[in-house]
Amino acid sequence: MMEEHLTECGLPACEEPIINQTIDSGIFIFFRRKVKAWTMLCPTHPQSLVYYKSYAERRKEMTRHIVKYNNFIMHPFSLFMMYWEYFISILEIVSMFIFCVSNAYSWTVMTDNGPFLVRRYVDILTTVDVILRLFFVGYYDSKMNKSVLRRSTIIKHYAFTLFIPDILSSVNSHFYALYELEIVEEDETNG
């Protein structure tokens, strides 16, 4: 790898990870390094290869993240966010499938009903996703051509872009379930 880098640009590359240089003392060093590595820019993330084309750009972004924004802000192109987005996407697909099947067969909403419980867990996790994105995940600003990792800017950006649709999509089924429970209770008392 080092030889390939030297032949491409002629500059020597520092092979020691940045995390090892910044987290070098204290308790649970190995664990802290692993957690931070999962929340930093991942060089193999598909989006990081698009926006940070060279090794030097990726290393500079990792250094900026760990030195300047070391307050539990996750990089949008981190390994954790990649797997989290896959997980949430699969949950949403399962939720849509269960929603369609439960409406097609007119399953009533009861707390011991399997589809009801799955939909509630999916709703809880999508609410966690909204909170995570509101406070803890940066975003890439294509106008400035950099990742924004300042918490106040993240909150403003998310609040004015996707917060309302995200919160409505996660809360909507909660209200729908409460409405269905009221109908079921009324039917039981009347009938």
C-alpha atoms as a PDB file:
ATOM      1  CA  MET A   1       0.000   0.000   0.000  1.00  0.00           C
ATOM      2  CA  MET A   2       2.783   2.400   0.889  1.00  0.00           C
ATOM      3  CA  GLU A   3       4.580   1.715  -2.381  1.00  0.00           C
ATOM      4  CA  GLU A   4       1.405   2.298  -4.416  1.00  0.00           C
ATOM      5  CA  HIS A   5       0.847   5.614  -2.681  1.00  0.00           C
ATOM      6  CA  LEU A   6       4.410   6.734  -3.340  1.00  0.00           C
ATOM      7  CA  THR A   7       4.137   5.919  -7.020  1.00  0.00           C
ATOM      8  CA  GLU A   8       0.861   7.824  -7.395  1.00  0.00           C
ATOM      9  CA  CYS A   9       1.683  11.117  -5.695  1.00  0.00           C
ATOM     10  CA  GLY A  10       5.267  10.938  -4.534  1.00  0.00           C
ATOM     11  CA  LEU A  11       4.485  11.869  -0.924  1.00  0.00           C
ATOM     12  CA  PRO A  12       5.095   9.445   1.921  1.00  0.00           C
ATOM     13  CA  ALA A  13       1.930   8.399   3.742  1.00  0.00           C
ATOM     14  CA  CYS A  14       1.746   8.120   7.502  1.00  0.00           C
ATOM     15  CA  GLU A  15       0.419   4.649   8.192  1.00  0.00           C
ATOM     16  CA  GLU A  16      -0.303   5.031  11.903  1.00  0.00           C
ATOM     17  CA  PRO A  17      -4.021   5.580  12.520  1.00  0.00           C
ATOM     18  CA  ILE A  18      -4.982   8.987  13.838  1.00  0.00           C
ATOM     19  CA  ILE A  19      -6.931   7.411  16.667  1.00  0.00           C
ATOM     20  CA  ASN A  20      -3.747   5.848  18.030  1.00  0.00           C
ATOM     21  CA  GLN A  21      -2.131   9.275  18.111  1.00  0.00           C
ATOM     22  CA  THR A  22      -4.998  10.984  19.932  1.00  0.00           C
ATOM     23  CA  ILE A  23      -6.267   8.236  22.240  1.00  0.00           C
ATOM     24  CA  ASP A  24      -2.993   7.095  23.735  1.00  0.00           C
ATOM     25  CA  SER A  25      -3.586   7.022  27.482  1.00  0.00           C
ATOM     26  CA  GLY A  26      -6.256   6.349  30.032  1.00  0.00           C
ATOM     27  CA  ILE A  27      -8.453   3.424  30.811  1.00  0.00           C
ATOM     28  CA  PHE A  28     -10.017   1.116  28.195  1.00  0.00           C
ATOM     29  CA  ILE A  29      -7.841   2.450  25.379  1.00  0.00           C
ATOM     30  CA  PHE A  30      -8.656  -0.399  23.017  1.00  0.00           C
ATOM     31  CA  PHE A  31     -12.417  -0.036  23.567  1.00  0.00           C
ATOM     32  CA  ARG A  32     -12.329   3.758  23.203  1.00  0.00           C
ATOM     33  CA  ARG A  33     -10.349   3.485  19.974  1.00  0.00           C
ATOM     34  CA  LYS A  34     -12.819   0.980  18.525  1.00  0.00           C
ATOM     35  CA  VAL A  35     -15.844   3.100  19.419  1.00  0.00           C
ATOM     36  CA  LYS A  36     -14.268   6.228  17.981  1.00  0.00           C
ATOM     37  CA  ALA A  37     -13.207   4.371  14.830  1.00  0.00           C
ATOM     38  CA  TRP A  38     -16.829   3.328  14.260  1.00  0.00           C
ATOM     39  CA  THR A  39     -18.001   6.940  14.505  1.00  0.00           C
ATOM     40  CA  MET A  40     -15.275   8.561  12.394  1.00  0.00           C
ATOM     41  CA  LEU A  41     -14.946   8.804   8.644  1.00  0.00           C
ATOM     42  CA  CYS A  42     -14.485   5.319   7.243  1.00  0.00           C
ATOM     43  CA  PRO A  43     -12.047   5.211   4.316  1.00  0.00           C
ATOM     44  CA  THR A  44     -13.974   2.321   2.745  1.00  0.00           C
ATOM     45  CA  HIS A  45     -17.422   3.917   3.026  1.00  0.00           C
ATOM     46  CA  PRO A  46     -18.835   4.332  -0.507  1.00  0.00           C
ATOM     47  CA  GLN A  47     -19.686   8.003   0.032  1.00  0.00           C
ATOM     48  CA  SER A  48     -16.318   8.861   1.546  1.00  0.00           C
ATOM     49  CA  LEU A  49     -14.629   7.570  -1.582  1.00  0.00           C
ATOM     50  CA  VAL A  50     -16.783   9.942  -3.627  1.00  0.00           C
ATOM     51  CA  TYR A  51     -16.331  13.097  -1.551  1.00  0.00           C
ATOM     52  CA  TYR A  52     -12.841  12.495  -0.173  1.00  0.00           C
ATOM     53  CA  LYS A  53     -10.948  11.115  -3.129  1.00  0.00           C
ATOM     54  CA  SER A  54      -7.381  11.064  -1.858  1.00  0.00           C
ATOM     55  CA  TYR A  55      -5.773   9.509   1.163  1.00  0.00           C
ATOM     56  CA  ALA A  56      -4.631  12.943   2.329  1.00  0.00           C
ATOM     57  CA  GLU A  57      -8.167  14.369   2.191  1.00  0.00           C
ATOM     58  CA  ARG A  58      -9.569  11.466   4.195  1.00  0.00           C
ATOM     59  CA  ARG A  59      -6.791  11.730   6.766  1.00  0.00           C
ATOM     60  CA  LYS A  60      -7.294  15.494   7.057  1.00  0.00           C
ATOM     61  CA  GLU A  61     -11.036  14.978   7.607  1.00  0.00           C
ATOM     62  CA  MET A  62     -10.393  12.319  10.246  1.00  0.00           C
ATOM     63  CA  THR A  63      -7.956  14.627  12.018  1.00  0.00           C
ATOM     64  CA  ARG A  64     -10.444  17.505  11.907  1.00  0.00           C
ATOM     65  CA  HIS A  65     -13.165  15.278  13.309  1.00  0.00           C
ATOM     66  CA  ILE A  66     -11.201  13.803  16.175  1.00  0.00           C
ATOM     67  CA  VAL A  67      -9.428  17.000  17.213  1.00  0.00           C
ATOM     68  CA  LYS A  68     -12.073  19.669  16.710  1.00  0.00           C
ATOM     69  CA  TYR A  69     -15.358  17.769  17.135  1.00  0.00           C
ATOM     70  CA  ASN A  70     -14.636  15.144  19.743  1.00  0.00           C
ATOM     71  CA  ASN A  71     -17.996  15.577  21.487  1.00  0.00           C
ATOM     72  CA  PHE A  72     -19.984  12.513  20.448  1.00  0.00           C
ATOM     73  CA  ILE A  73     -20.652  13.699  16.913  1.00  0.00           C
ATOM     74  CA  MET A  74     -20.694  10.906  14.361  1.00  0.00           C
ATOM     75  CA  HIS A  75     -19.404  11.450  10.881  1.00  0.00           C
ATOM     76  CA  PRO A  76     -22.085  10.940   8.216  1.00  0.00           C
ATOM     77  CA  PHE A  77     -19.747   8.582   6.353  1.00  0.00           C
ATOM     78  CA  SER A  78     -18.823   6.464   9.360  1.00  0.00           C
ATOM     79  CA  LEU A  79     -19.078   2.717   9.584  1.00  0.00           C
ATOM     80  CA  PHE A  80     -21.726   2.943  12.305  1.00  0.00           C
ATOM     81  CA  MET A  81     -23.954   5.191  10.197  1.00  0.00           C
ATOM     82  CA  MET A  82     -23.612   2.938   7.181  1.00  0.00           C
ATOM     83  CA  TYR A  83     -24.776  -0.116   9.125  1.00  0.00           C
ATOM     84  CA  TRP A  84     -27.404   1.903  10.990  1.00  0.00           C
ATOM     85  CA  GLU A  85     -28.920   3.100   7.702  1.00  0.00           C
ATOM     86  CA  TYR A  86     -28.992  -0.470   6.385  1.00  0.00           C
ATOM     87  CA  PHE A  87     -30.694  -1.607   9.593  1.00  0.00           C
ATOM     88  CA  ILE A  88     -33.294   1.182   9.539  1.00  0.00           C
ATOM     89  CA  SER A  89     -34.011   0.540   5.849  1.00  0.00           C
ATOM     90  CA  ILE A  90     -34.657  -3.135   6.505  1.00  0.00           C
ATOM     91  CA  LEU A  91     -36.879  -2.256   9.462  1.00  0.00           C
ATOM     92  CA  GLU A  92     -38.897   0.159   7.343  1.00  0.00           C
ATOM     93  CA  ILE A  93     -39.388  -2.481   4.647  1.00  0.00           C
ATOM     94  CA  VAL A  94     -40.550  -4.999   7.253  1.00  0.00           C
ATOM     95  CA  SER A  95     -42.852  -2.397   8.776  1.00  0.00           C
ATOM     96  CA  MET A  96     -44.399  -1.581   5.401  1.00  0.00           C
ATOM     97  CA  PHE A  97     -44.929  -5.273   4.688  1.00  0.00           C
ATOM     98  CA  ILE A  98     -46.589  -5.843   8.056  1.00  0.00           C
ATOM     99  CA  PHE A  99     -48.707  -2.727   7.622  1.00  0.00           C
ATOM    100  CA  CYS A 100     -49.955  -3.918   4.226  1.00  0.00           C
ATOM    101  CA  VAL A 101     -50.654  -7.457   5.394  1.00  0.00           C
ATOM    102  CA  SER A 102     -52.359  -6.356   8.606  1.00  0.00           C
ATOM    103  CA  ASN A 103     -54.611  -3.951   6.714  1.00  0.00           C
ATOM    104  CA  ALA A 104     -55.392  -6.520   4.034  1.00  0.00           C
ATOM    105  CA  TYR A 105     -56.544  -9.065   6.598  1.00  0.00           C
ATOM    106  CA  SER A 106     -58.055  -6.512   9.014  1.00  0.00           C
ATOM    107  CA  TRP A 107     -56.074  -7.631  12.015  1.00  0.00           C
ATOM    108  CA  THR A 108     -57.180  -5.805  15.093  1.00  0.00           C
ATOM    109  CA  VAL A 109     -54.641  -3.957  17.142  1.00  0.00           C
ATOM    110  CA  MET A 110     -53.990  -5.738  20.381  1.00  0.00           C
ATOM    111  CA  THR A 111     -50.915  -5.630  22.520  1.00  0.00           C
ATOM    112  CA  ASP A 112     -50.309  -9.373  22.211  1.00  0.00           C
ATOM    113  CA  ASN A 113     -50.609  -9.285  18.419  1.00  0.00           C
ATOM    114  CA  GLY A 114     -47.245  -9.984  16.743  1.00  0.00           C
ATOM    115  CA  PRO A 115     -47.551  -7.425  13.933  1.00  0.00           C
ATOM    116  CA  PHE A 116     -48.590  -4.761  16.426  1.00  0.00           C
ATOM    117  CA  LEU A 117     -45.483  -5.382  18.524  1.00  0.00           C
ATOM    118  CA  VAL A 118     -43.181  -5.373  15.507  1.00  0.00           C
ATOM    119  CA  ARG A 119     -44.633  -2.079  14.313  1.00  0.00           C
ATOM    120  CA  ARG A 120     -44.193  -0.573  17.788  1.00  0.00           C
ATOM    121  CA  TYR A 121     -40.539  -1.642  17.924  1.00  0.00           C
ATOM    122  CA  VAL A 122     -39.940  -0.232  14.461  1.00  0.00           C
ATOM    123  CA  ASP A 123     -41.581   3.027  15.524  1.00  0.00           C
ATOM    124  CA  ILE A 124     -39.391   3.220  18.602  1.00  0.00           C
ATOM    125  CA  LEU A 125     -36.259   2.627  16.532  1.00  0.00           C
ATOM    126  CA  THR A 126     -37.257   5.230  13.945  1.00  0.00           C
ATOM    127  CA  THR A 127     -37.788   7.700  16.777  1.00  0.00           C
ATOM    128  CA  VAL A 128     -34.294   6.839  18.023  1.00  0.00           C
ATOM    129  CA  ASP A 129     -33.071   7.460  14.472  1.00  0.00           C
ATOM    130  CA  VAL A 130     -34.672  10.916  14.470  1.00  0.00           C
ATOM    131  CA  ILE A 131     -33.024  11.783  17.790  1.00  0.00           C
ATOM    132  CA  LEU A 132     -29.702  10.394  16.591  1.00  0.00           C
ATOM    133  CA  ARG A 133     -29.784  12.461  13.416  1.00  0.00           C
ATOM    134  CA  LEU A 134     -30.967  15.574  15.229  1.00  0.00           C
ATOM    135  CA  PHE A 135     -28.185  15.681  17.806  1.00  0.00           C
ATOM    136  CA  PHE A 136     -25.375  13.260  16.999  1.00  0.00           C
ATOM    137  CA  VAL A 137     -24.835  12.840  13.241  1.00  0.00           C
ATOM    138  CA  GLY A 138     -23.175  15.368  10.981  1.00  0.00           C
ATOM    139  CA  TYR A 139     -24.073  15.924   7.356  1.00  0.00           C
ATOM    140  CA  TYR A 140     -22.224  16.642   4.150  1.00  0.00           C
ATOM    141  CA  ASP A 141     -22.776  20.120   2.755  1.00  0.00           C
ATOM    142  CA  SER A 142     -22.179  20.034  -0.980  1.00  0.00           C
ATOM    143  CA  LYS A 143     -22.142  23.836  -1.241  1.00  0.00           C
ATOM    144  CA  MET A 144     -19.265  24.158   1.225  1.00  0.00           C
ATOM    145  CA  ASN A 145     -17.795  20.857   0.023  1.00  0.00           C
ATOM    146  CA  LYS A 146     -17.194  19.522   3.530  1.00  0.00           C
ATOM    147  CA  SER A 147     -18.820  17.584   6.316  1.00  0.00           C
ATOM    148  CA  VAL A 148     -20.544  19.709   8.918  1.00  0.00           C
ATOM    149  CA  LEU A 149     -19.906  18.404  12.420  1.00  0.00           C
ATOM    150  CA  ARG A 150     -20.868  21.361  14.631  1.00  0.00           C
ATOM    151  CA  ARG A 151     -23.855  20.397  16.785  1.00  0.00           C
ATOM    152  CA  SER A 152     -25.722  23.713  16.514  1.00  0.00           C
ATOM    153  CA  THR A 153     -25.436  23.708  12.728  1.00  0.00           C
ATOM    154  CA  ILE A 154     -26.549  20.074  12.565  1.00  0.00           C
ATOM    155  CA  ILE A 155     -29.647  20.814  14.638  1.00  0.00           C
ATOM    156  CA  LYS A 156     -30.576  23.834  12.517  1.00  0.00           C
ATOM    157  CA  HIS A 157     -30.041  21.969   9.268  1.00  0.00           C
ATOM    158  CA  TYR A 158     -32.004  18.889  10.302  1.00  0.00           C
ATOM    159  CA  ALA A 159     -34.799  20.911  11.912  1.00  0.00           C
ATOM    160  CA  PHE A 160     -35.381  22.835   8.690  1.00  0.00           C
ATOM    161  CA  THR A 161     -34.996  19.943   6.248  1.00  0.00           C
ATOM    162  CA  LEU A 162     -36.051  16.441   7.256  1.00  0.00           C
ATOM    163  CA  PHE A 163     -37.079  16.686  10.897  1.00  0.00           C
ATOM    164  CA  ILE A 164     -40.800  17.294  10.304  1.00  0.00           C
ATOM    165  CA  PRO A 165     -41.293  14.443   7.789  1.00  0.00           C
ATOM    166  CA  ASP A 166     -39.212  12.084   9.930  1.00  0.00           C
ATOM    167  CA  ILE A 167     -41.067  12.842  13.137  1.00  0.00           C
ATOM    168  CA  LEU A 168     -44.447  12.644  11.408  1.00  0.00           C
ATOM    169  CA  SER A 169     -43.587   9.288   9.896  1.00  0.00           C
ATOM    170  CA  SER A 170     -42.542   7.846  13.235  1.00  0.00           C
ATOM    171  CA  VAL A 171     -45.350   9.376  15.304  1.00  0.00           C
ATOM    172  CA  ASN A 172     -48.104   8.799  12.754  1.00  0.00           C
ATOM    173  CA  SER A 173     -48.442   5.103  13.470  1.00  0.00           C
ATOM    174  CA  HIS A 174     -48.517   5.772  17.222  1.00  0.00           C
ATOM    175  CA  PHE A 175     -51.638   7.895  16.772  1.00  0.00           C
ATOM    176  CA  TYR A 176     -53.070   5.381  14.337  1.00  0.00           C
ATOM    177  CA  ALA A 177     -52.589   2.588  16.872  1.00  0.00           C
ATOM    178  CA  LEU A 178     -54.237   4.619  19.636  1.00  0.00           C
ATOM    179  CA  TYR A 179     -57.158   5.352  17.334  1.00  0.00           C
ATOM    180  CA  GLU A 180     -57.523   1.648  16.518  1.00  0.00           C
ATOM    181  CA  LEU A 181     -57.388   0.735  20.206  1.00  0.00           C
ATOM    182  CA  GLU A 182     -60.186   3.212  20.947  1.00  0.00           C
ATOM    183  CA  ILE A 183     -62.331   1.680  18.188  1.00  0.00           C
ATOM    184  CA  VAL A 184     -61.695  -1.844  19.489  1.00  0.00           C
ATOM    185  CA  GLU A 185     -62.556  -0.792  23.051  1.00  0.00           C
ATOM    186  CA  GLU A 186     -65.764   0.918  21.855  1.00  0.00           C
ATOM    187  CA  ASP A 187     -66.771  -2.190  19.900  1.00  0.00           C
ATOM    188  CA  GLU A 188     -66.179  -4.380  22.944  1.00  0.00           C
ATOM    189  CA  THR A 189     -68.258  -2.134  25.204  1.00  0.00           C
ATOM    190  CA  ASN A 190     -71.076  -1.724  22.648  1.00  0.00           C
ATOM    191  CA  GLY A 191     -71.167  -5.273  21.400  1.00  0.00           C
END
